[in-house]
N, C-alpha and C. Protein backbone atom coordinates (compact mmCIF):
# COMPACT_ATOMS: atom_id res chain seq x y z
N UNK A 1 -8.73 -1.74 -34.88
CA UNK A 1 -7.53 -1.97 -34.06
C UNK A 1 -7.10 -0.66 -33.37
N UNK A 2 -7.08 0.42 -34.17
CA UNK A 2 -6.65 1.70 -33.60
C UNK A 2 -7.55 2.10 -32.43
N UNK A 3 -8.86 1.96 -32.63
CA UNK A 3 -9.80 2.35 -31.57
C UNK A 3 -9.57 1.46 -30.34
N UNK A 4 -9.37 0.19 -30.57
CA UNK A 4 -9.16 -0.73 -29.44
C UNK A 4 -7.93 -0.30 -28.64
N UNK A 5 -6.85 -0.01 -29.35
CA UNK A 5 -5.62 0.37 -28.66
C UNK A 5 -5.83 1.66 -27.86
N UNK A 6 -6.54 2.60 -28.48
CA UNK A 6 -6.77 3.88 -27.77
C UNK A 6 -7.65 3.66 -26.54
N UNK A 7 -8.59 2.79 -26.67
CA UNK A 7 -9.50 2.52 -25.55
C UNK A 7 -8.75 1.79 -24.42
N UNK A 8 -7.87 0.90 -24.82
CA UNK A 8 -7.14 0.12 -23.80
C UNK A 8 -6.15 1.02 -23.05
N UNK A 9 -5.56 1.95 -23.75
CA UNK A 9 -4.56 2.83 -23.11
C UNK A 9 -5.18 3.59 -21.92
N UNK A 10 -6.26 4.32 -22.13
CA UNK A 10 -6.89 5.08 -21.03
C UNK A 10 -7.23 4.17 -19.85
N UNK A 11 -7.75 3.01 -20.15
CA UNK A 11 -8.14 2.09 -19.06
C UNK A 11 -6.91 1.73 -18.24
N UNK A 12 -5.81 1.41 -18.92
CA UNK A 12 -4.59 1.01 -18.20
C UNK A 12 -4.06 2.19 -17.38
N UNK A 13 -4.16 3.38 -17.96
CA UNK A 13 -3.66 4.57 -17.24
C UNK A 13 -4.52 4.86 -16.01
N UNK A 14 -5.82 4.62 -16.14
CA UNK A 14 -6.71 4.91 -15.00
C UNK A 14 -6.58 3.84 -13.91
N UNK A 15 -6.23 2.64 -14.31
CA UNK A 15 -6.11 1.56 -13.33
C UNK A 15 -4.92 1.78 -12.38
N UNK A 16 -3.74 2.04 -12.91
CA UNK A 16 -2.56 2.24 -12.06
C UNK A 16 -2.81 3.26 -10.95
N UNK A 17 -3.34 4.44 -11.26
CA UNK A 17 -3.61 5.45 -10.22
C UNK A 17 -4.40 4.86 -9.06
N UNK A 18 -5.45 4.12 -9.37
CA UNK A 18 -6.26 3.54 -8.28
C UNK A 18 -5.41 2.58 -7.46
N UNK A 19 -4.62 1.77 -8.14
CA UNK A 19 -3.79 0.78 -7.43
C UNK A 19 -2.73 1.51 -6.60
N UNK A 20 -2.14 2.54 -7.17
CA UNK A 20 -1.09 3.26 -6.43
C UNK A 20 -1.68 3.89 -5.17
N UNK A 21 -2.90 4.38 -5.27
CA UNK A 21 -3.51 5.01 -4.08
C UNK A 21 -3.79 3.96 -3.01
N UNK A 22 -4.31 2.80 -3.43
CA UNK A 22 -4.65 1.77 -2.44
C UNK A 22 -3.39 1.00 -2.03
N UNK A 23 -2.48 0.81 -2.97
CA UNK A 23 -1.27 0.03 -2.67
C UNK A 23 -0.44 0.72 -1.57
N UNK A 24 -0.08 1.97 -1.75
CA UNK A 24 0.73 2.67 -0.74
C UNK A 24 0.13 2.54 0.66
N UNK A 25 -1.16 2.72 0.77
CA UNK A 25 -1.79 2.64 2.10
C UNK A 25 -1.53 1.26 2.72
N UNK A 26 -1.71 0.21 1.95
CA UNK A 26 -1.53 -1.14 2.50
C UNK A 26 -0.04 -1.43 2.76
N UNK A 27 0.81 -1.30 1.75
CA UNK A 27 2.24 -1.57 1.93
C UNK A 27 2.82 -0.75 3.08
N UNK A 28 2.42 0.51 3.17
CA UNK A 28 2.95 1.35 4.26
C UNK A 28 2.71 0.69 5.60
N UNK A 29 1.51 0.19 5.81
CA UNK A 29 1.19 -0.45 7.10
C UNK A 29 2.05 -1.70 7.29
N UNK A 30 2.08 -2.53 6.26
CA UNK A 30 2.85 -3.78 6.36
C UNK A 30 4.33 -3.46 6.56
N UNK A 31 4.85 -2.55 5.76
CA UNK A 31 6.27 -2.20 5.88
C UNK A 31 6.56 -1.66 7.28
N UNK A 32 5.73 -0.77 7.76
CA UNK A 32 5.94 -0.19 9.10
C UNK A 32 5.94 -1.27 10.16
N UNK A 33 4.97 -2.15 10.11
CA UNK A 33 4.89 -3.20 11.14
C UNK A 33 6.10 -4.13 11.03
N UNK A 34 6.45 -4.50 9.81
CA UNK A 34 7.57 -5.44 9.62
C UNK A 34 8.87 -4.76 10.07
N UNK A 35 9.09 -3.54 9.62
CA UNK A 35 10.33 -2.84 9.97
C UNK A 35 10.39 -2.65 11.49
N UNK A 36 9.28 -2.33 12.10
CA UNK A 36 9.27 -2.15 13.56
C UNK A 36 9.61 -3.46 14.26
N UNK A 37 9.01 -4.54 13.80
CA UNK A 37 9.24 -5.83 14.45
C UNK A 37 10.70 -6.23 14.31
N UNK A 38 11.26 -6.04 13.12
CA UNK A 38 12.65 -6.46 12.89
C UNK A 38 13.61 -5.47 13.56
N UNK A 39 13.35 -4.19 13.37
CA UNK A 39 14.27 -3.18 13.92
C UNK A 39 14.13 -3.10 15.45
N UNK A 40 12.91 -2.90 15.93
CA UNK A 40 12.73 -2.78 17.40
C UNK A 40 11.46 -3.52 17.81
N UNK A 41 11.59 -4.75 18.20
CA UNK A 41 10.42 -5.53 18.66
C UNK A 41 9.74 -4.83 19.83
N UNK A 42 10.50 -4.23 20.70
CA UNK A 42 9.91 -3.54 21.87
C UNK A 42 8.96 -2.44 21.41
N UNK A 43 9.39 -1.66 20.45
CA UNK A 43 8.52 -0.56 19.97
C UNK A 43 7.24 -1.13 19.37
N UNK A 44 7.37 -2.24 18.66
CA UNK A 44 6.17 -2.84 18.04
C UNK A 44 5.16 -3.18 19.13
N UNK A 45 5.63 -3.73 20.23
CA UNK A 45 4.71 -4.09 21.33
C UNK A 45 4.07 -2.82 21.89
N UNK A 46 4.84 -1.79 22.03
CA UNK A 46 4.30 -0.52 22.55
C UNK A 46 3.19 -0.02 21.63
N UNK A 47 3.44 -0.07 20.33
CA UNK A 47 2.43 0.40 19.36
C UNK A 47 1.16 -0.42 19.50
N UNK A 48 1.30 -1.72 19.64
CA UNK A 48 0.10 -2.57 19.77
C UNK A 48 -0.65 -2.19 21.04
N UNK A 49 0.06 -1.94 22.12
CA UNK A 49 -0.60 -1.57 23.38
C UNK A 49 -1.31 -0.23 23.20
N UNK A 50 -0.65 0.70 22.55
CA UNK A 50 -1.27 2.02 22.32
C UNK A 50 -2.56 1.86 21.51
N UNK A 51 -2.50 1.04 20.49
CA UNK A 51 -3.70 0.86 19.64
C UNK A 51 -4.82 0.22 20.47
N UNK A 52 -4.46 -0.71 21.34
CA UNK A 52 -5.50 -1.38 22.14
C UNK A 52 -6.09 -0.39 23.15
N UNK A 53 -5.26 0.55 23.59
CA UNK A 53 -5.78 1.52 24.55
C UNK A 53 -5.16 1.25 25.89
């Protein structure tokens, strides 16, 4: 039991870091797009045009 608990702890600790690294990248994009659309729809359109070129 002790070994199992010790083994499970490291795994859980290593998992969160990976999720936090990937999560922020995704949420940041979604949050930015959503906040832009709600706060300033005009700016959102400008950003889309800029991305398209």
